[in-house]
Protein backbone atom coordinates (compact mmCIF):
# COMPACT_ATOMS: atom_id res chain seq x y z
CA MET A 1 19.39 -32.54 15.61
CA GLU A 2 14.93 -32.72 14.80
CA PRO A 3 13.91 -30.76 11.47
CA LEU A 4 13.29 -26.79 12.15
CA LYS A 5 9.62 -26.43 12.09
CA ASN A 6 7.86 -23.77 9.51
CA HIS A 7 6.11 -21.25 11.66
CA ASN A 8 4.25 -19.47 8.63
CA LEU A 9 0.69 -19.06 8.74
CA THR A 10 0.31 -20.73 5.11
CA ASP A 11 2.65 -20.58 1.90
CA VAL A 12 1.81 -18.50 -0.77
CA ALA A 13 2.60 -17.37 -4.00
CA TYR A 14 2.51 -13.94 -4.49
CA THR A 15 0.97 -12.21 -7.28
CA GLY A 16 0.59 -8.36 -5.84
CA ILE A 17 3.92 -8.16 -4.16
CA LEU A 18 7.34 -9.47 -5.01
CA TYR A 19 9.20 -11.22 -2.61
CA GLU A 20 12.88 -11.64 -2.85
CA LYS A 21 16.48 -12.00 -0.49
CA ARG A 22 19.06 -10.72 -0.96
CA PRO A 23 22.42 -10.80 0.45
CA CYS A 24 23.54 -8.93 3.45
CA PHE A 25 26.70 -7.23 2.72
CA ASP A 26 29.90 -6.70 5.55
CA ALA A 27 32.03 -3.85 6.31
CA LYS A 28 33.73 -4.30 3.29
CA GLY A 29 31.03 -4.62 0.92
CA LYS A 30 31.12 -8.27 0.30
CA PRO A 31 28.41 -10.56 0.59
CA VAL A 32 27.92 -12.54 3.86
CA GLU A 33 27.17 -16.05 2.95
CA GLY A 34 23.84 -17.56 4.35
CA LEU A 35 22.57 -14.10 5.56
CA TYR A 36 20.16 -11.94 4.05
CA ASN A 37 17.97 -9.12 4.07
CA ALA A 38 14.37 -9.35 2.65
CA TRP A 39 12.80 -7.15 0.18
CA ILE A 40 9.10 -6.70 0.01
CA TRP A 41 7.74 -4.69 -3.16
CA LEU A 42 4.83 -3.69 -3.71
CA ASN A 43 3.76 -4.23 -7.13
CA ASN A 44 1.41 -2.20 -8.67
CA PRO A 45 3.14 0.72 -10.68
CA ALA A 46 0.36 1.25 -12.75
CA GLN A 47 -1.56 2.55 -10.01
CA PHE A 48 1.44 4.11 -7.78
CA ASN A 49 1.50 1.22 -5.88
CA SER A 50 -1.56 1.49 -3.98
CA TYR A 51 -2.96 -1.57 -1.99
CA THR A 52 -5.70 -3.61 -3.18
CA THR A 53 -7.18 -5.95 -1.17
CA GLN A 54 -4.99 -8.48 -2.14
CA ILE A 55 -2.03 -6.89 -2.04
CA VAL A 56 -2.68 -6.19 2.04
CA LYS A 57 -2.93 -9.78 2.43
CA GLU A 58 0.12 -10.79 0.56
CA VAL A 59 2.25 -8.03 2.37
CA ILE A 60 0.98 -9.46 5.87
CA LEU A 61 1.88 -12.96 4.68
CA ALA A 62 5.34 -11.56 3.40
CA LEU A 63 6.32 -9.90 6.73
CA ARG A 64 5.97 -12.71 8.98
CA GLN A 65 7.50 -15.01 6.32
CA ALA A 66 10.12 -12.64 6.63
CA SER A 67 10.09 -12.30 10.58
CA ASN A 68 10.12 -16.32 11.01
CA ASP A 69 13.06 -17.01 8.10
CA ARG A 70 16.16 -17.19 10.66
CA SER A 71 18.30 -16.09 7.91
CA VAL A 72 17.05 -12.95 7.62
CA VAL A 73 18.61 -9.96 9.13
CA THR A 74 16.87 -7.10 8.17
CA VAL A 75 13.30 -6.37 6.13
CA VAL A 76 13.06 -3.70 3.02
CA LEU A 77 9.78 -3.05 2.34
CA THR A 78 9.65 -0.90 -1.07
CA ALA A 79 7.82 -0.67 -4.36
CA VAL A 80 8.29 -1.14 -8.16
CA GLY A 81 9.54 1.82 -10.09
CA ASP A 82 10.32 5.16 -9.08
CA LYS A 83 7.25 7.20 -9.14
CA ALA A 84 5.47 5.94 -5.91
CA PHE A 85 6.14 4.13 -2.74
CA CYS A 86 2.29 3.34 -1.99
CA THR A 87 -0.40 6.24 -2.34
CA GLY A 88 -2.53 4.66 0.04
CA GLY A 89 -5.59 2.10 -0.37
CA ASN A 90 -6.40 1.54 -4.41
CA THR A 91 -9.38 4.32 -4.79
CA LYS A 92 -10.85 2.15 -7.66
CA GLU A 93 -11.35 -0.82 -6.05
CA TYR A 94 -12.98 1.84 -2.81
CA ALA A 95 -14.92 4.03 -5.31
CA GLU A 96 -16.37 0.61 -7.35
CA TYR A 97 -16.45 -2.03 -4.39
CA TYR A 98 -16.37 -0.41 -0.73
CA SER A 99 -18.05 2.93 -1.07
CA GLY A 100 -21.83 2.80 0.27
CA ASN A 101 -20.86 -1.01 1.79
CA PRO A 102 -19.65 -0.69 5.03
CA GLN A 103 -19.73 -3.66 6.55
CA GLU A 104 -17.70 -4.61 3.33
CA TYR A 105 -15.01 -2.07 4.21
CA ALA A 106 -14.65 -2.97 8.03
CA GLN A 107 -13.55 -6.32 7.30
CA TYR A 108 -10.99 -4.57 4.80
CA MET A 109 -10.08 -2.26 7.34
CA ARG A 110 -9.53 -5.64 9.45
CA LEU A 111 -6.87 -6.48 7.15
CA PHE A 112 -5.39 -3.07 6.75
CA ASN A 113 -5.07 -2.84 10.37
CA ASP A 114 -3.29 -6.51 10.50
CA MET A 115 -0.84 -5.05 7.60
CA VAL A 116 0.26 -2.13 10.22
CA SER A 117 0.50 -4.23 12.89
CA THR A 118 2.24 -6.99 11.52
CA VAL A 119 5.01 -4.45 10.31
CA LEU A 120 5.14 -2.99 14.28
CA MET A 121 5.48 -6.80 15.53
CA CYS A 122 8.36 -7.97 12.95
CA ASP A 123 10.96 -9.86 14.68
CA LYS A 124 13.16 -7.86 12.44
CA PRO A 125 14.07 -3.87 11.40
CA VAL A 126 12.09 -3.44 9.16
CA ILE A 127 13.05 -0.14 6.70
CA CYS A 128 10.99 1.73 4.52
CA ARG A 129 12.57 2.35 1.11
CA VAL A 130 10.83 4.86 -0.55
CA ASN A 131 11.23 5.25 -4.12
CA GLY A 132 8.59 8.18 -4.90
CA MET A 133 5.65 9.29 -3.45
CA ARG A 134 4.46 7.94 0.21
CA ILE A 135 0.56 9.63 0.48
CA ALA A 136 -2.26 8.80 2.54
CA GLY A 137 -2.11 5.08 3.40
CA GLY A 138 1.04 4.77 2.02
CA GLN A 139 2.40 7.59 4.68
CA GLU A 140 0.68 5.27 7.59
CA VAL A 141 2.43 2.15 6.81
CA GLY A 142 5.52 3.56 6.39
CA MET A 143 5.71 5.50 9.91
CA ALA A 144 5.11 1.99 10.95
CA CYS A 145 8.34 1.25 10.04
CA ASP A 146 11.58 1.42 12.00
CA PHE A 147 13.54 3.41 9.31
CA THR A 148 13.29 5.16 6.58
CA VAL A 149 15.46 6.46 3.56
CA ALA A 150 14.05 7.68 0.61
CA GLN A 151 14.76 9.44 -2.86
CA ASP A 152 14.67 13.00 -3.19
CA PHE A 153 11.90 13.69 -5.57
CA ALA A 154 9.61 11.34 -3.18
CA ARG A 155 6.97 13.62 -1.26
CA PHE A 156 4.97 12.95 1.59
CA GLY A 157 1.62 13.64 2.88
CA GLN A 158 -1.86 12.58 3.79
CA ALA A 159 -5.10 12.62 1.38
CA GLY A 160 -8.15 12.54 3.79
CA PRO A 161 -10.13 15.34 4.26
CA LYS A 162 -9.52 16.27 0.75
CA HIS A 163 -11.20 12.97 -0.60
CA GLY A 164 -13.74 11.96 2.08
CA SER A 165 -11.64 10.08 5.16
CA ALA A 166 -9.47 10.89 8.01
CA ALA A 167 -5.66 9.83 8.43
CA VAL A 168 -6.69 7.71 10.84
CA GLY A 169 -5.07 4.23 10.06
CA GLY A 170 -2.01 5.48 11.70
CA ALA A 171 -0.91 9.04 10.93
CA THR A 172 -2.83 10.29 13.46
CA ASP A 173 -0.93 8.15 15.92
CA PHE A 174 2.60 8.44 14.71
CA LEU A 175 3.07 11.85 12.80
CA PRO A 176 3.00 14.16 16.27
CA GLY A 177 6.03 11.67 17.41
CA PHE A 178 7.84 12.24 14.41
CA VAL A 179 7.39 15.98 13.71
CA GLY A 180 5.34 17.37 16.49
CA MET A 181 1.88 18.52 16.73
CA GLU A 182 1.64 21.80 15.10
CA ARG A 183 3.18 20.25 11.68
CA ALA A 184 1.20 16.91 12.45
CA MET A 185 -2.27 19.03 12.57
CA TYR A 186 -1.06 20.69 9.23
CA SER A 187 -0.62 17.69 7.09
CA LEU A 188 -3.33 15.65 8.50
CA THR A 189 -5.95 18.22 7.81
CA LEU A 190 -5.05 20.22 4.67
CA CYS A 191 -3.25 17.36 2.83
CA GLU A 192 -0.20 19.70 1.60
CA PRO A 193 2.59 17.27 0.96
CA TRP A 194 6.12 17.60 2.41
CA THR A 195 9.36 17.27 0.12
CA ALA A 196 11.61 14.49 1.03
CA TYR A 197 14.04 17.56 2.39
CA GLN A 198 11.11 19.00 4.14
CA ALA A 199 10.30 15.26 5.98
CA TYR A 200 13.93 15.01 6.42
CA MET A 201 14.28 18.15 8.24
CA TYR A 202 11.29 17.57 10.39
CA GLY A 203 12.51 14.39 11.57
CA LEU A 204 10.27 11.96 9.89
CA ILE A 205 12.91 10.53 7.53
CA LEU A 206 16.52 9.29 8.40
CA ASP A 207 18.25 9.81 5.42
CA VAL A 208 17.45 11.35 1.35
CA VAL A 209 19.48 11.04 -1.25
CA PRO A 210 19.55 12.06 -4.79
CA ALA A 211 18.08 10.37 -7.25
CA LEU A 212 18.69 12.28 -10.72
CA LYS A 213 21.99 11.24 -12.60
CA VAL A 214 23.01 14.04 -15.38
CA ASP A 215 25.82 13.89 -17.58
CA GLY A 216 26.67 10.61 -15.14
CA GLN A 217 26.81 12.66 -12.35
CA PHE A 218 24.29 12.76 -9.49
CA VAL A 219 22.58 16.54 -8.68
CA PRO A 220 19.78 17.50 -6.01
CA ASN A 221 16.25 17.59 -6.87
CA PRO A 222 16.55 20.61 -9.15
CA MET A 223 12.61 21.68 -8.37
CA VAL A 224 13.14 21.90 -4.74
CA VAL A 225 15.26 24.35 -2.79
CA THR A 226 18.21 23.03 -1.55
CA ASP A 227 20.64 25.81 -1.23
CA LYS A 228 19.45 28.35 0.97
CA TRP A 229 17.52 28.23 4.37
CA ILE A 230 15.73 31.49 4.55
CA ASP A 231 14.20 34.09 2.13
CA THR A 232 14.72 37.70 2.01
CA LYS A 233 11.62 37.71 4.83
CA GLY A 234 13.08 35.89 6.97
CA LYS A 235 11.11 32.83 5.88
CA ILE A 236 12.78 29.09 6.12
CA VAL A 237 12.22 27.78 2.20
CA TYR A 238 15.05 25.31 2.59
CA GLY A 239 13.26 22.12 1.47
CA THR A 240 10.05 23.93 -0.41
CA MET A 241 9.05 23.62 -4.23
CA LYS A 242 10.23 26.04 -6.24
CA GLY A 243 8.00 28.28 -8.23
CA GLY A 244 7.50 30.48 -11.32
CA GLU A 245 10.80 31.51 -12.78
CA GLU A 246 13.25 29.49 -10.64
CA LEU A 247 11.44 26.50 -11.42
CA ALA A 248 10.82 26.80 -15.34
CA ASN A 249 14.42 27.10 -15.38
CA THR A 250 14.85 23.16 -13.88
CA LYS A 251 13.15 21.71 -17.08
CA GLU A 252 16.19 21.86 -18.89
CA ILE A 253 18.33 19.75 -16.21
CA MET A 254 15.29 17.70 -15.78
CA SER A 255 15.22 16.75 -19.77
CA LYS A 256 19.10 15.80 -19.87
CA GLY A 257 18.86 13.40 -16.46
CA LYS A 258 17.25 10.33 -15.91
CA MET A 259 16.20 8.40 -12.86
CA ASP A 260 18.73 6.51 -11.01
CA LEU A 261 17.93 4.37 -7.76
CA SER A 262 21.49 3.29 -7.25
CA MET A 263 22.08 5.72 -4.35
CA LEU A 264 18.97 5.11 -2.57
CA ASP A 265 19.97 1.04 -2.84
CA GLU A 266 23.51 1.96 -1.61
CA ALA A 267 21.58 3.80 1.28
CA VAL A 268 19.71 1.30 2.38
CA ASN A 269 22.68 -1.62 2.45
CA ARG A 270 24.78 0.82 4.21
CA LEU A 271 22.19 1.02 6.91
CA ALA A 272 21.55 -3.20 6.92
CA THR A 273 25.03 -3.41 7.01
CA LYS A 274 24.50 -1.61 10.43
CA ILE A 275 22.28 -3.47 11.98
CA LEU A 276 24.35 -6.94 10.71
CA TYR A 277 27.20 -5.74 13.42
CA THR A 278 24.63 -5.70 16.27
CA MET A 279 23.49 -8.44 18.49
CA PRO A 280 20.20 -10.01 17.05
CA ASN A 281 18.42 -10.55 20.26
CA CYS A 282 19.53 -7.39 21.65
CA MET A 283 18.38 -5.23 18.56
CA THR A 284 15.11 -7.06 18.43
CA LYS A 285 14.64 -5.61 22.34
CA SER A 286 15.38 -2.07 21.49
CA ILE A 287 12.97 -1.91 18.28
CA ASN A 288 10.47 -3.42 20.29
CA GLU A 289 10.77 -0.97 23.20
CA VAL A 290 10.82 2.02 20.84
CA ARG A 291 7.57 0.76 18.57
CA LYS A 292 5.74 0.98 21.77
CA GLN A 293 5.86 4.58 21.19
CA LYS A 294 3.72 3.87 18.71
CA LEU A 295 1.79 0.95 19.61
CA MET A 296 0.15 2.46 23.15
CA HIS A 297 -1.59 4.94 20.56
CA TRP A 298 -2.28 2.59 17.69
CA ASP A 299 -3.37 -0.13 20.01
CA LYS A 300 -6.00 2.05 21.67
CA ASN A 301 -7.23 3.48 18.58
CA LYS A 302 -7.17 1.31 15.43
CA GLU A 303 -10.54 -1.08 16.20
CA SER A 304 -12.78 2.17 16.82
CA ASN A 305 -10.97 4.06 13.69
CA ARG A 306 -11.94 1.06 11.82
CA ASP A 307 -15.35 1.14 12.93
CA TRP A 308 -15.44 4.78 11.76
CA LEU A 309 -13.85 4.45 8.46
CA ALA A 310 -16.80 1.94 7.68
CA LEU A 311 -19.33 4.07 8.54
CA ASN A 312 -18.06 7.06 6.57
CA MET A 313 -17.96 4.89 3.37
CA MET A 314 -22.23 5.94 3.44
CA THR A 315 -21.40 9.78 3.70
CA GLU A 316 -18.01 11.35 2.86
CA ALA A 317 -15.55 8.82 1.77
CA LYS A 318 -18.68 7.17 -0.59
CA ALA A 319 -18.52 10.94 -2.30
CA GLY A 320 -15.16 11.44 -2.02
CA PHE A 321 -13.65 8.31 -3.44
CA ARG A 322 -16.24 8.38 -6.36
CA ALA A 323 -15.30 11.95 -7.47
CA PHE A 324 -11.43 10.74 -7.74
CA ASN A 325 -12.05 7.91 -9.38
CA GLU A 326 -14.84 9.21 -11.91
CA GLY A 327 -14.32 12.71 -12.17
CA PRO A 328 -12.16 14.48 -14.75
CA LYS A 329 -8.35 14.12 -14.45
CA ASP A 330 -8.20 18.22 -13.63
CA ASN A 331 -10.99 18.03 -11.06
CA ARG A 332 -11.16 15.18 -8.46
CA GLU A 333 -12.72 16.60 -5.67
CA VAL A 334 -16.17 17.47 -4.44
CA ASP A 335 -17.17 20.76 -4.64
CA PHE A 336 -16.69 21.65 -0.95
CA ILE A 337 -18.31 24.93 -0.68
CA ARG A 338 -21.70 23.50 -1.91
CA LEU A 339 -21.69 20.53 0.34
CA ARG A 340 -20.86 22.57 3.15
CA LYS A 341 -24.01 25.03 2.31
CA MET A 342 -26.24 21.92 1.84
CA LEU A 343 -25.66 20.66 5.18
CA ALA A 344 -25.95 23.96 6.82
CA GLU A 345 -29.53 24.09 4.89
CA GLY A 346 -29.94 20.48 6.66
CA HIS A 347 -29.71 18.71 3.49
CA GLU A 348 -29.42 14.90 4.31
CA TRP A 349 -26.82 12.41 3.04
CA ASN A 350 -28.00 10.97 0.10
CA ASP A 351 -27.66 10.27 -3.84
CA GLU A 352 -29.00 13.74 -4.29
CA LEU A 353 -26.58 15.34 -2.38
CA ILE A 354 -23.62 13.43 -3.72
CA ARG A 355 -24.58 13.88 -7.29
CA ALA A 356 -24.94 17.62 -6.76
CA ILE A 357 -21.45 18.15 -5.18
CA SER A 358 -19.34 15.63 -7.83
CA PRO A 359 -17.17 16.80 -10.41
CA GLN A 360 -18.10 13.92 -12.39
CA PHE A 361 -21.74 14.52 -12.86
CA ARG A 362 -21.27 18.56 -13.51
């Protein structure tokens, strides 16, 4: 028999991600010799696992590597730490390099588009292991995956119109199919995040598990309402963040506990084991057919959205990303009212306008 061919585009030494092959487990929980799950870890926890240009390139290559590896059954896309899966593009890089440079940002968005497309073209099922916040571009990459399992301190949402962009890196294509038009509209425009329990209830994710261990026992996120469905006014509150005195009472529980993602890993491994017990070619055909529901929107819109995002780096994105990167910690948004007034008066987009609305100049 001739040696097997290597179909990878290139061999790479990863610096912005971690790539590891972990054993598959059979139905009895025993490792299966010669079969693996490929775990791809975003490794930028100091910046909430936001992806730099280098990280985007490495994720593309890692997904191709896992897809081509004959011994890999399932791909797990996740990140280091327990604070964030991914908060989108690296705003420091955006503010300091791409702002005001649409031609450069267009090149970057070519890479981002390729990253999302590579998820959707992977020959293996892709599980998104949500170890923390899944926001903005992180939400978009996560929704491209086939399954999502989350720990219950994770939050899900967008950031676009609040910070000078639009969620056209996949969210406007994917989110209505998960949660319906009305909820998608609310999330994509107003950028208010959902808790993991809301995301589960709305159909955005497959499973959610506790991550806080108190006195040796796992407890549900004490900051989130998980014990009732409606309040006295008949409004659904299950899964929402607690407030006021109710929230203050959770501090004692939090102080006694520690974060432990072992239940998350167990849930991911259980799902991967179920995938193991399927016909591989039939599995690939099935996921590719379901992915068509995402691809018919993604492929139609990704290039025109790339063009718009690049040009937007001259106006609202230039102001918004710089405000987020350079503004004080308690104020990272532009003055929206002053911006709207200045535009209503016919003021052109220039450095004078950006200075007038930006918190770092006030």
